[in-house]
PDB file of N, CA and C in Angstrom:
ATOM      1  N   MET A   1     -73.674  96.509 -80.198  1.00  0.00           N
ATOM      2  CA  MET A   1     -72.408  95.761 -80.636  1.00  0.00           C
ATOM      3  C   MET A   1     -72.944  95.016 -82.475  1.00  0.00           C
ATOM      4  N   SER A   2     -74.641  94.765 -81.945  1.00  0.00           N
ATOM      5  CA  SER A   2     -74.490  93.684 -83.469  1.00  0.00           C
ATOM      6  C   SER A   2     -74.258  94.713 -84.622  1.00  0.00           C
ATOM      7  N   ILE A   3     -74.932  96.011 -84.498  1.00  0.00           N
ATOM      8  CA  ILE A   3     -75.298  97.206 -85.524  1.00  0.00           C
ATOM      9  C   ILE A   3     -73.301  96.816 -86.660  1.00  0.00           C
ATOM     10  N   LEU A   4     -72.598  97.140 -84.523  1.00  0.00           N
ATOM     11  CA  LEU A   4     -71.268  97.303 -85.852  1.00  0.00           C
ATOM     12  C   LEU A   4     -70.146  96.282 -86.247  1.00  0.00           C
ATOM     13  N   THR A   5     -71.163  95.328 -86.066  1.00  0.00           N
ATOM     14  CA  THR A   5     -70.568  94.019 -86.714  1.00  0.00           C
ATOM     15  C   THR A   5     -70.835  93.468 -87.950  1.00  0.00           C
ATOM     16  N   ALA A   6     -72.206  94.029 -88.067  1.00  0.00           N
ATOM     17  CA  ALA A   6     -73.138  93.825 -88.996  1.00  0.00           C
ATOM     18  C   ALA A   6     -72.424  95.008 -90.390  1.00  0.00           C
ATOM     19  N   GLU A   7     -72.087  95.822 -90.077  1.00  0.00           N
ATOM     20  CA  GLU A   7     -71.594  96.795 -90.933  1.00  0.00           C
ATOM     21  C   GLU A   7     -70.620  96.553 -91.682  1.00  0.00           C
ATOM     22  N   TYR A   8     -69.114  96.109 -90.198  1.00  0.00           N
ATOM     23  CA  TYR A   8     -67.825  95.710 -90.735  1.00  0.00           C
ATOM     24  C   TYR A   8     -67.650  94.659 -92.174  1.00  0.00           C
ATOM     25  N   ASP A   9     -67.639  94.868 -92.970  1.00  0.00           N
ATOM     26  CA  ASP A   9     -67.078  94.091 -94.314  1.00  0.00           C
ATOM     27  C   ASP A   9     -65.867  94.114 -94.349  1.00  0.00           C
ATOM     28  N   TYR A  10     -64.835  93.013 -94.536  1.00  0.00           N
ATOM     29  CA  TYR A  10     -63.549  92.375 -94.566  1.00  0.00           C
ATOM     30  C   TYR A  10     -62.898  92.341 -95.628  1.00  0.00           C
ATOM     31  N   ALA A  11     -63.735  91.820 -96.702  1.00  0.00           N
ATOM     32  CA  ALA A  11     -63.189  92.786 -98.198  1.00  0.00           C
ATOM     33  C   ALA A  11     -63.065  94.664 -98.416  1.00  0.00           C
ATOM     34  N   THR A  12     -63.876  95.024 -97.182  1.00  0.00           N
ATOM     35  CA  THR A  12     -63.664  96.158 -98.090  1.00  0.00           C
ATOM     36  C   THR A  12     -62.687  97.758 -96.904  1.00  0.00           C
ATOM     37  N   ASP A  13     -62.165  96.579 -95.493  1.00  0.00           N
ATOM     38  CA  ASP A  13     -61.298  96.565 -94.823  1.00  0.00           C
ATOM     39  C   ASP A  13     -59.988  95.838 -95.487  1.00  0.00           C
ATOM     40  N   ILE A  14     -59.693  95.628 -95.713  1.00  0.00           N
ATOM     41  CA  ILE A  14     -58.384  94.840 -96.424  1.00  0.00           C
ATOM     42  C   ILE A  14     -58.541  95.888 -97.874  1.00  0.00           C
ATOM     43  N   ALA A  15     -59.581  96.286 -98.445  1.00  0.00           N
ATOM     44  CA  ALA A  15     -59.295  97.117 -99.152  1.00  0.00           C
ATOM     45  C   ALA A  15     -58.948  98.894 -98.798  1.00  0.00           C
ATOM     46  N   VAL A  16     -59.877  99.044 -98.184  1.00  0.00           N
ATOM     47  CA  VAL A  16     -59.067  99.810 -98.295  1.00  0.00           C
ATOM     48  C   VAL A  16     -57.269 100.389 -97.428  1.00  0.00           C
ATOM     49  N   LYS A  17     -57.425  99.233 -96.184  1.00  0.00           N
ATOM     50  CA  LYS A  17     -56.092  99.601 -96.010  1.00  0.00           C
ATOM     51  C   LYS A  17     -54.808  99.267 -97.106  1.00  0.00           C
ATOM     52  N   GLN A  18     -55.400  98.877 -97.898  1.00  0.00           N
ATOM     53  CA  GLN A  18     -54.966  98.648 -99.121  1.00  0.00           C
ATOM     54  C   GLN A  18     -54.940 100.076 -99.930  1.00  0.00           C
ATOM     55  N   GLU A  19     -55.733 100.774-100.807  1.00  0.00           N
ATOM     56  CA  GLU A  19     -55.546 101.941-101.208  1.00  0.00           C
ATOM     57  C   GLU A  19     -54.748 102.911 -99.791  1.00  0.00           C
ATOM     58  N   GLU A  20     -54.532 102.484 -98.463  1.00  0.00           N
ATOM     59  CA  GLU A  20     -54.014 103.964 -97.360  1.00  0.00           C
ATOM     60  C   GLU A  20     -52.777 103.746 -98.163  1.00  0.00           C
ATOM     61  N   ALA A  21     -51.882 102.049 -98.412  1.00  0.00           N
ATOM     62  CA  ALA A  21     -50.449 101.725 -98.190  1.00  0.00           C
ATOM     63  C   ALA A  21     -50.065 102.530 -99.424  1.00  0.00           C
ATOM     64  N   TYR A  22     -51.143 102.478-100.426  1.00  0.00           N
ATOM     65  CA  TYR A  22     -50.336 102.390-101.634  1.00  0.00           C
ATOM     66  C   TYR A  22     -49.972 103.951-101.927  1.00  0.00           C
ATOM     67  N   ALA A  23     -50.675 104.373-101.014  1.00  0.00           N
ATOM     68  CA  ALA A  23     -51.047 107.081-101.154  1.00  0.00           C
ATOM     69  C   ALA A  23     -49.695 106.586-100.227  1.00  0.00           C
ATOM     70  N   ILE A  24     -49.836 106.001 -99.242  1.00  0.00           N
ATOM     71  CA  ILE A  24     -48.507 106.164 -98.513  1.00  0.00           C
ATOM     72  C   ILE A  24     -46.895 105.859 -99.404  1.00  0.00           C
ATOM     73  N   GLY A  25     -46.804 104.957 -99.932  1.00  0.00           N
ATOM     74  CA  GLY A  25     -45.803 104.259-100.599  1.00  0.00           C
ATOM     75  C   GLY A  25     -45.637 105.346-101.687  1.00  0.00           C
ATOM     76  N   MET A  26     -47.401 105.372-102.861  1.00  0.00           N
ATOM     77  CA  MET A  26     -46.769 106.912-103.389  1.00  0.00           C
ATOM     78  C   MET A  26     -46.190 107.537-103.336  1.00  0.00           C
ATOM     79  N   ILE A  27     -46.303 108.537-101.951  1.00  0.00           N
ATOM     80  CA  ILE A  27     -45.815 110.262-101.666  1.00  0.00           C
ATOM     81  C   ILE A  27     -44.449 109.780-101.196  1.00  0.00           C
ATOM     82  N   LYS A  28     -44.110 108.530-100.654  1.00  0.00           N
ATOM     83  CA  LYS A  28     -42.154 108.171-100.082  1.00  0.00           C
ATOM     84  C   LYS A  28     -42.024 107.979-101.050  1.00  0.00           C
ATOM     85  N   GLY A  29     -42.624 107.075-103.022  1.00  0.00           N
ATOM     86  CA  GLY A  29     -42.078 107.021-103.702  1.00  0.00           C
ATOM     87  C   GLY A  29     -41.700 108.310-105.006  1.00  0.00           C
ATOM     88  N   HIS A  30     -42.170 108.872-104.563  1.00  0.00           N
ATOM     89  CA  HIS A  30     -42.567 110.001-105.016  1.00  0.00           C
ATOM     90  C   HIS A  30     -41.549 111.625-104.763  1.00  0.00           C
ATOM     91  N   GLU A  31     -40.814 110.635-103.399  1.00  0.00           N
ATOM     92  CA  GLU A  31     -39.830 112.279-102.424  1.00  0.00           C
ATOM     93  C   GLU A  31     -39.033 110.965-102.664  1.00  0.00           C
ATOM     94  N   ALA A  32     -38.760 109.688-103.082  1.00  0.00           N
ATOM     95  CA  ALA A  32     -37.273 109.950-103.011  1.00  0.00           C
ATOM     96  C   ALA A  32     -36.938 109.600-104.826  1.00  0.00           C
ATOM     97  N   GLY A  33     -37.936 110.014-105.767  1.00  0.00           N
ATOM     98  CA  GLY A  33     -37.880 110.007-106.748  1.00  0.00           C
ATOM     99  C   GLY A  33     -37.859 111.934-107.533  1.00  0.00           C
ATOM    100  N   LEU A  34     -37.894 112.595-105.943  1.00  0.00           N
ATOM    101  CA  LEU A  34     -37.802 114.392-106.313  1.00  0.00           C
ATOM    102  C   LEU A  34     -35.721 113.987-105.749  1.00  0.00           C
ATOM    103  N   GLN A  35     -35.989 113.338-104.279  1.00  0.00           N
ATOM    104  CA  GLN A  35     -33.922 113.726-103.862  1.00  0.00           C
ATOM    105  C   GLN A  35     -32.877 112.678-105.286  1.00  0.00           C
ATOM    106  N   VAL A  36     -33.629 111.838-106.199  1.00  0.00           N
ATOM    107  CA  VAL A  36     -33.044 111.219-106.545  1.00  0.00           C
ATOM    108  C   VAL A  36     -32.378 112.256-108.024  1.00  0.00           C
ATOM    109  N   GLY A  37     -33.997 112.937-109.080  1.00  0.00           N
ATOM    110  CA  GLY A  37     -34.139 114.284-109.177  1.00  0.00           C
ATOM    111  C   GLY A  37     -32.543 115.597-109.017  1.00  0.00           C
ATOM    112  N   LEU A  38     -33.393 115.592-108.121  1.00  0.00           N
ATOM    113  CA  LEU A  38     -32.028 116.606-107.559  1.00  0.00           C
ATOM    114  C   LEU A  38     -31.050 116.378-107.330  1.00  0.00           C
ATOM    115  N   GLN A  39     -30.526 115.075-107.065  1.00  0.00           N
ATOM    116  CA  GLN A  39     -28.931 115.299-107.309  1.00  0.00           C
ATOM    117  C   GLN A  39     -29.118 115.041-108.297  1.00  0.00           C
ATOM    118  N   GLN A  40     -28.907 113.706-109.233  1.00  0.00           N
ATOM    119  CA  GLN A  40     -29.144 113.734-110.931  1.00  0.00           C
ATOM    120  C   GLN A  40     -28.403 115.599-111.126  1.00  0.00           C
ATOM    121  N   GLY A  41     -29.618 116.401-110.775  1.00  0.00           N
ATOM    122  CA  GLY A  41     -29.787 117.679-111.714  1.00  0.00           C
ATOM    123  C   GLY A  41     -28.613 118.857-111.475  1.00  0.00           C
ATOM    124  N   ILE A  42     -28.246 118.841-110.265  1.00  0.00           N
ATOM    125  CA  ILE A  42     -26.977 118.771-109.238  1.00  0.00           C
ATOM    126  C   ILE A  42     -25.539 118.610-109.337  1.00  0.00           C
ATOM    127  N   GLU A  43     -25.237 117.450-110.100  1.00  0.00           N
ATOM    128  CA  GLU A  43     -24.642 116.394-110.514  1.00  0.00           C
ATOM    129  C   GLU A  43     -24.197 117.164-112.195  1.00  0.00           C
ATOM    130  N   GLN A  44     -25.331 116.604-113.310  1.00  0.00           N
ATOM    131  CA  GLN A  44     -25.003 117.143-113.786  1.00  0.00           C
ATOM    132  C   GLN A  44     -24.634 119.333-114.789  1.00  0.00           C
ATOM    133  N   GLY A  45     -25.256 119.995-113.777  1.00  0.00           N
ATOM    134  CA  GLY A  45     -24.982 120.984-113.276  1.00  0.00           C
ATOM    135  C   GLY A  45     -23.509 121.576-112.759  1.00  0.00           C
ATOM    136  N   LEU A  46     -23.248 120.558-112.456  1.00  0.00           N
ATOM    137  CA  LEU A  46     -21.862 120.643-111.751  1.00  0.00           C
ATOM    138  C   LEU A  46     -20.232 120.364-113.085  1.00  0.00           C
ATOM    139  N   GLU A  47     -20.681 119.440-113.844  1.00  0.00           N
ATOM    140  CA  GLU A  47     -20.534 118.604-114.307  1.00  0.00           C
ATOM    141  C   GLU A  47     -20.468 119.833-115.568  1.00  0.00           C
ATOM    142  N   GLN A  48     -21.604 120.175-116.537  1.00  0.00           N
ATOM    143  CA  GLN A  48     -21.149 121.564-117.211  1.00  0.00           C
ATOM    144  C   GLN A  48     -21.009 122.888-116.993  1.00  0.00           C
ATOM    145  N   GLY A  49     -20.808 123.461-114.690  1.00  0.00           N
ATOM    146  CA  GLY A  49     -19.416 124.087-115.104  1.00  0.00           C
ATOM    147  C   GLY A  49     -18.421 123.832-115.203  1.00  0.00           C
ATOM    148  N   LEU A  50     -18.680 122.982-114.808  1.00  0.00           N
ATOM    149  CA  LEU A  50     -17.002 122.436-114.787  1.00  0.00           C
ATOM    150  C   LEU A  50     -16.135 122.478-116.582  1.00  0.00           C
ATOM    151  N   GLU A  51     -17.733 121.982-117.121  1.00  0.00           N
ATOM    152  CA  GLU A  51     -16.684 121.898-118.672  1.00  0.00           C
ATOM    153  C   GLU A  51     -16.409 123.458-119.818  1.00  0.00           C
ATOM    154  N   ARG A  52     -17.692 124.207-118.619  1.00  0.00           N
ATOM    155  CA  ARG A  52     -17.876 125.192-118.716  1.00  0.00           C
ATOM    156  C   ARG A  52     -16.404 126.858-118.779  1.00  0.00           C
ATOM    157  N   GLY A  53     -15.971 126.038-117.375  1.00  0.00           N
ATOM    158  CA  GLY A  53     -15.630 127.342-116.833  1.00  0.00           C
ATOM    159  C   GLY A  53     -13.895 126.460-117.461  1.00  0.00           C
ATOM    160  N   ALA A  54     -13.126 125.050-118.285  1.00  0.00           N
ATOM    161  CA  ALA A  54     -12.166 124.803-118.673  1.00  0.00           C
ATOM    162  C   ALA A  54     -12.374 125.367-119.898  1.00  0.00           C
ATOM    163  N   HIS A  55     -13.533 124.884-120.904  1.00  0.00           N
ATOM    164  CA  HIS A  55     -13.069 125.801-122.200  1.00  0.00           C
ATOM    165  C   HIS A  55     -13.429 127.195-122.241  1.00  0.00           C
ATOM    166  N   GLU A  56     -13.706 127.891-120.844  1.00  0.00           N
ATOM    167  CA  GLU A  56     -12.753 129.764-120.735  1.00  0.00           C
ATOM    168  C   GLU A  56     -11.181 129.748-120.699  1.00  0.00           C
ATOM    169  N   LYS A  57     -10.765 128.746-119.503  1.00  0.00           N
ATOM    170  CA  LYS A  57      -9.631 128.725-119.131  1.00  0.00           C
ATOM    171  C   LYS A  57      -8.972 128.726-120.551  1.00  0.00           C
ATOM    172  N   ALA A  58      -9.259 127.767-121.243  1.00  0.00           N
ATOM    173  CA  ALA A  58      -8.590 127.310-122.536  1.00  0.00           C
ATOM    174  C   ALA A  58      -8.513 128.204-123.121  1.00  0.00           C
ATOM    175  N   LEU A  59      -9.443 129.506-124.153  1.00  0.00           N
ATOM    176  CA  LEU A  59      -9.990 130.163-124.602  1.00  0.00           C
ATOM    177  C   LEU A  59      -9.254 131.468-124.206  1.00  0.00           C
ATOM    178  N   GLU A  60      -8.922 131.892-122.358  1.00  0.00           N
ATOM    179  CA  GLU A  60      -8.238 132.810-121.266  1.00  0.00           C
ATOM    180  C   GLU A  60      -6.266 131.877-122.535  1.00  0.00           C
ATOM    181  N   THR A  61      -6.474 131.118-122.432  1.00  0.00           N
ATOM    182  CA  THR A  61      -4.259 130.182-122.235  1.00  0.00           C
ATOM    183  C   THR A  61      -4.439 130.638-124.155  1.00  0.00           C
ATOM    184  N   ALA A  62      -5.425 130.168-124.657  1.00  0.00           N
ATOM    185  CA  ALA A  62      -5.194 130.892-126.705  1.00  0.00           C
ATOM    186  C   ALA A  62      -4.796 132.465-127.039  1.00  0.00           C
ATOM    187  N   LYS A  63      -6.072 132.619-126.228  1.00  0.00           N
ATOM    188  CA  LYS A  63      -5.590 134.073-127.037  1.00  0.00           C
ATOM    189  C   LYS A  63      -4.413 134.541-125.636  1.00  0.00           C
ATOM    190  N   LEU A  64      -3.366 134.239-124.903  1.00  0.00           N
ATOM    191  CA  LEU A  64      -2.684 134.980-123.837  1.00  0.00           C
ATOM    192  C   LEU A  64      -1.658 134.514-124.678  1.00  0.00           C
ATOM    193  N   LEU A  65      -0.924 133.009-125.898  1.00  0.00           N
ATOM    194  CA  LEU A  65      -0.679 132.200-126.296  1.00  0.00           C
ATOM    195  C   LEU A  65       0.007 133.430-127.541  1.00  0.00           C
ATOM    196  N   LEU A  66      -1.408 133.769-128.419  1.00  0.00           N
ATOM    197  CA  LEU A  66      -1.015 134.515-129.463  1.00  0.00           C
ATOM    198  C   LEU A  66      -0.931 135.399-128.878  1.00  0.00           C
ATOM    199  N   THR A  67      -1.080 136.142-127.915  1.00  0.00           N
ATOM    200  CA  THR A  67      -0.237 137.973-128.152  1.00  0.00           C
ATOM    201  C   THR A  67       1.294 137.096-127.976  1.00  0.00           C
ATOM    202  N   TYR A  68       1.491 136.122-127.449  1.00  0.00           N
ATOM    203  CA  TYR A  68       3.143 135.888-127.062  1.00  0.00           C
ATOM    204  C   TYR A  68       3.318 135.568-128.409  1.00  0.00           C
ATOM    205  N   GLY A  69       2.955 135.495-129.676  1.00  0.00           N
ATOM    206  CA  GLY A  69       3.426 134.990-130.719  1.00  0.00           C
ATOM    207  C   GLY A  69       2.852 133.757-131.435  1.00  0.00           C
ATOM    208  N   ASP A  70       2.490 132.939-131.095  1.00  0.00           N
ATOM    209  CA  ASP A  70       2.798 131.801-130.778  1.00  0.00           C
ATOM    210  C   ASP A  70       1.853 130.993-132.122  1.00  0.00           C
ATOM    211  N   SER A  71       2.113 130.408-132.676  1.00  0.00           N
ATOM    212  CA  SER A  71       1.608 130.105-134.206  1.00  0.00           C
ATOM    213  C   SER A  71       0.005 129.623-133.415  1.00  0.00           C
ATOM    214  N   PRO A  72      -1.001 129.302-134.537  1.00  0.00           N
ATOM    215  CA  PRO A  72      -2.342 129.368-134.498  1.00  0.00           C
ATOM    216  C   PRO A  72      -2.460 127.553-134.444  1.00  0.00           C
ATOM    217  N   GLU A  73      -1.330 127.013-134.766  1.00  0.00           N
ATOM    218  CA  GLU A  73      -0.719 125.193-134.839  1.00  0.00           C
ATOM    219  C   GLU A  73      -0.368 124.689-133.504  1.00  0.00           C
ATOM    220  N   LYS A  74      -0.295 125.881-132.775  1.00  0.00           N
ATOM    221  CA  LYS A  74       0.848 125.519-131.373  1.00  0.00           C
ATOM    222  C   LYS A  74      -0.412 125.514-129.908  1.00  0.00           C
ATOM    223  N   VAL A  75      -0.563 126.859-130.612  1.00  0.00           N
ATOM    224  CA  VAL A  75      -1.713 126.828-129.459  1.00  0.00           C
ATOM    225  C   VAL A  75      -3.201 125.876-129.036  1.00  0.00           C
ATOM    226  N   ALA A  76      -2.945 125.482-130.540  1.00  0.00           N
ATOM    227  CA  ALA A  76      -4.584 124.248-130.693  1.00  0.00           C
ATOM    228  C   ALA A  76      -3.723 122.951-129.990  1.00  0.00           C
ATOM    229  N   ILE A  77      -2.661 122.981-130.197  1.00  0.00           N
ATOM    230  CA  ILE A  77      -2.292 121.074-129.540  1.00  0.00           C
ATOM    231  C   ILE A  77      -1.998 121.700-127.989  1.00  0.00           C
ATOM    232  N   CYS A  78      -1.686 123.246-127.751  1.00  0.00           N
ATOM    233  CA  CYS A  78      -1.374 123.321-126.447  1.00  0.00           C
ATOM    234  C   CYS A  78      -2.632 123.741-125.657  1.00  0.00           C
ATOM    235  N   THR A  79      -3.673 123.831-126.267  1.00  0.00           N
ATOM    236  CA  THR A  79      -5.099 124.091-125.448  1.00  0.00           C
ATOM    237  C   THR A  79      -6.006 122.703-125.843  1.00  0.00           C
ATOM    238  N   SER A  80      -6.097 121.548-126.080  1.00  0.00           N
ATOM    239  CA  SER A  80      -6.599 121.486-127.453  1.00  0.00           C
ATOM    240  C   SER A  80      -8.465 122.545-128.006  1.00  0.00           C
ATOM    241  N   LEU A  81      -8.314 123.711-128.642  1.00  0.00           N
ATOM    242  CA  LEU A  81      -9.293 123.540-129.228  1.00  0.00           C
ATOM    243  C   LEU A  81      -9.032 123.404-130.612  1.00  0.00           C
ATOM    244  N   PRO A  82     -10.117 123.017-131.704  1.00  0.00           N
ATOM    245  CA  PRO A  82     -10.055 123.128-132.969  1.00  0.00           C
ATOM    246  C   PRO A  82      -9.153 124.414-133.831  1.00  0.00           C
ATOM    247  N   LEU A  83      -8.319 124.316-134.337  1.00  0.00           N
ATOM    248  CA  LEU A  83      -8.013 124.870-134.940  1.00  0.00           C
ATOM    249  C   LEU A  83      -8.838 126.016-135.694  1.00  0.00           C
ATOM    250  N   ASP A  84     -10.050 126.276-135.566  1.00  0.00           N
ATOM    251  CA  ASP A  84     -11.085 127.708-136.404  1.00  0.00           C
ATOM    252  C   ASP A  84     -11.020 128.156-135.356  1.00  0.00           C
ATOM    253  N   VAL A  85     -11.494 127.263-133.833  1.00  0.00           N
ATOM    254  CA  VAL A  85     -11.340 128.681-132.910  1.00  0.00           C
ATOM    255  C   VAL A  85     -10.535 129.120-133.212  1.00  0.00           C
ATOM    256  N   ILE A  86      -9.134 129.026-132.522  1.00  0.00           N
ATOM    257  CA  ILE A  86      -8.405 129.601-132.438  1.00  0.00           C
ATOM    258  C   ILE A  86      -7.393 130.741-134.020  1.00  0.00           C
ATOM    259  N   GLN A  87      -8.312 130.630-134.594  1.00  0.00           N
ATOM    260  CA  GLN A  87      -8.099 131.510-136.219  1.00  0.00           C
ATOM    261  C   GLN A  87      -9.099 132.212-136.266  1.00  0.00           C
ATOM    262  N   SER A  88     -10.570 131.707-135.293  1.00  0.00           N
ATOM    263  CA  SER A  88     -11.252 132.833-135.462  1.00  0.00           C
ATOM    264  C   SER A  88     -10.479 134.362-134.326  1.00  0.00           C
ATOM    265  N   LEU A  89      -9.980 133.821-132.826  1.00  0.00           N
ATOM    266  CA  LEU A  89     -10.397 133.704-132.550  1.00  0.00           C
ATOM    267  C   LEU A  89      -8.716 135.622-132.156  1.00  0.00           C
ATOM    268  N   MET A  90      -7.370 134.741-133.696  1.00  0.00           N
ATOM    269  CA  MET A  90      -6.854 135.552-134.052  1.00  0.00           C
ATOM    270  C   MET A  90      -7.320 136.544-134.465  1.00  0.00           C
ATOM    271  N   GLN A  91      -8.225 136.391-135.743  1.00  0.00           N
ATOM    272  CA  GLN A  91      -9.062 137.333-136.091  1.00  0.00           C
ATOM    273  C   GLN A  91     -10.033 138.624-134.929  1.00  0.00           C
ATOM    274  N   GLU A  92      -9.955 138.177-133.683  1.00  0.00           N
ATOM    275  CA  GLU A  92     -11.006 138.864-133.284  1.00  0.00           C
ATOM    276  C   GLU A  92      -9.927 140.417-132.592  1.00  0.00           C
ATOM    277  N   GLN A  93      -8.402 139.656-132.700  1.00  0.00           N
ATOM    278  CA  GLN A  93      -7.351 141.299-132.273  1.00  0.00           C
ATOM    279  C   GLN A  93      -6.883 141.097-132.903  1.00  0.00           C
TER     280      GLN A  93
END
């Protein structure tokens, strides 16, 4: 019993427990950070996908309106696309 008591050091024991707690906290913090990053990535991807889809739909609508003979200015207003984009679509047709 005296050997066990002689080798036990309270300060060392506390330091080891603090290091273990820090390591556990880092792991949990890392996992939480990954979850937050993943959620932000999903939201950003959805937002970009929606924007791209809306832009593609506007281009599709612009092409259709031009096919029916609407003026480039009217098409730009109806689709919220810049006039130069409408003009480049006209050149493609």
